[in-house]
Amino acid sequence: MSPPARSGAGRGPATFSAPDNHWARQGWTSARRDRVTPGQRSELLTEAWRRRAPRRLVAACDAAHPGGDGVG
């Protein structure tokens, strides 16, 4: 699910948008840093990394963080 479709504080069209270039066609999303909390940034970056990283790196991250809290 893309960040603009999520609900919650600080999440909405004014906070997230598709870039106005070729990155938008690849599914990238821009976020206004002044409207996203550090916790939201951490969650979104971790989720994005997990979707693109090789499975072996995700497995290594999971092994290093057994509590399921990811990288941040």
Protein backbone atom coordinates (compact mmCIF):
# COMPACT_ATOMS: atom_id res chain seq x y z
CA MET A 1 0.00 0.00 0.00
CA SER A 2 1.43 3.36 -0.92
CA PRO A 3 1.84 6.03 1.79
CA PRO A 4 -0.81 8.39 0.35
CA ALA A 5 -3.46 5.68 0.71
CA ARG A 6 -2.74 5.18 4.40
CA SER A 7 -4.67 6.96 7.08
CA GLY A 8 -3.34 8.66 10.16
CA ALA A 9 -1.95 11.92 11.42
CA GLY A 10 0.31 13.68 8.97
CA ARG A 11 -0.63 11.40 6.12
CA GLY A 12 -2.50 12.82 3.20
CA PRO A 13 -2.16 14.50 -0.17
CA ALA A 14 -0.43 17.57 1.28
CA THR A 15 2.18 15.34 2.92
CA PHE A 16 2.80 12.74 0.22
CA SER A 17 2.80 13.10 -3.55
CA ALA A 18 4.11 11.39 -6.64
CA PRO A 19 7.18 13.12 -8.06
CA ASP A 20 6.59 15.07 -11.26
CA ASN A 21 9.15 13.05 -13.25
CA HIS A 22 10.00 9.51 -14.34
CA TRP A 23 10.37 8.31 -10.73
CA ALA A 24 6.58 8.53 -10.30
CA ARG A 25 6.11 5.93 -13.03
CA GLN A 26 8.30 3.58 -10.98
CA GLY A 27 6.07 3.92 -7.93
CA TRP A 28 8.17 6.41 -5.99
CA THR A 29 6.54 8.83 -3.57
CA SER A 30 7.78 12.16 -2.24
CA ALA A 31 7.16 13.21 1.35
CA ARG A 32 7.35 16.64 2.94
CA ARG A 33 9.87 16.23 5.75
CA ASP A 34 8.30 19.01 7.80
CA ARG A 35 4.96 17.12 7.91
CA VAL A 36 6.23 13.61 8.70
CA THR A 37 7.32 12.64 12.21
CA PRO A 38 10.68 10.92 12.77
CA GLY A 39 8.80 7.73 13.67
CA GLN A 40 6.82 7.82 10.43
CA ARG A 41 10.00 8.46 8.43
CA SER A 42 11.69 5.50 10.08
CA GLU A 43 8.71 3.22 9.43
CA LEU A 44 8.37 4.28 5.79
CA LEU A 45 12.08 4.06 5.01
CA THR A 46 12.36 0.66 6.67
CA GLU A 47 9.34 -0.63 4.75
CA ALA A 48 10.69 0.74 1.45
CA TRP A 49 14.10 -0.82 2.09
CA ARG A 50 12.58 -4.19 2.96
CA ARG A 51 10.62 -4.17 -0.32
CA ARG A 52 13.70 -3.50 -2.46
CA ALA A 53 16.55 -5.18 -0.57
CA PRO A 54 17.75 -8.66 -1.49
CA ARG A 55 16.04 -11.32 0.62
CA ARG A 56 19.34 -12.38 2.22
CA LEU A 57 19.86 -8.84 3.56
CA VAL A 58 16.30 -8.68 4.90
CA ALA A 59 16.88 -12.06 6.60
CA ALA A 60 20.15 -10.79 8.10
CA CYS A 61 18.39 -7.67 9.37
CA ASP A 62 15.63 -9.78 10.91
CA ALA A 63 18.23 -11.99 12.60
CA ALA A 64 20.06 -8.94 13.99
CA HIS A 65 16.78 -7.44 15.26
CA PRO A 66 14.78 -10.41 16.59
CA GLY A 67 12.20 -8.19 18.25
CA GLY A 68 10.83 -7.34 14.83
CA ASP A 69 11.60 -3.64 15.23
CA GLY A 70 13.62 -3.56 12.02
CA VAL A 71 16.41 -1.12 11.37
CA GLY A 72 15.55 1.95 13.28
